[in-house]
């Protein structure tokens, strides 16, 4: 069976600390990438992937709501949670860290 890696959007979130799951260098002023933006970056890099609903263990509602305005409605928190969650399964990965760096470079051009 072919090797696979899970890539989570939290890896690229500049508002999340490394201890909470970020894997790339924080870029001040960079927007929080959505799952759709990561999918677009993977497509540009010609990397085939499969999407799963599985969330990163540290991607929680409280983490998402912490980065929204204080009086955000429940629906807004839910929408932010859904658009910044999930995971991408990528097959044939030899070096996950290099892959994450390539995706980050494409996201934050």
Foldseek 3Di string as FASTA:
>chain_A
DFDKDKDALCLQALLDDVVLPHVDDRDPPAHRAWPVLLVVLCVVVVFDKDWFQDWDPSLDLVSQCVPDPPPDDPVVSVVSSRRRTTIIMGTPDPDVSVVSVSSNVSSRD
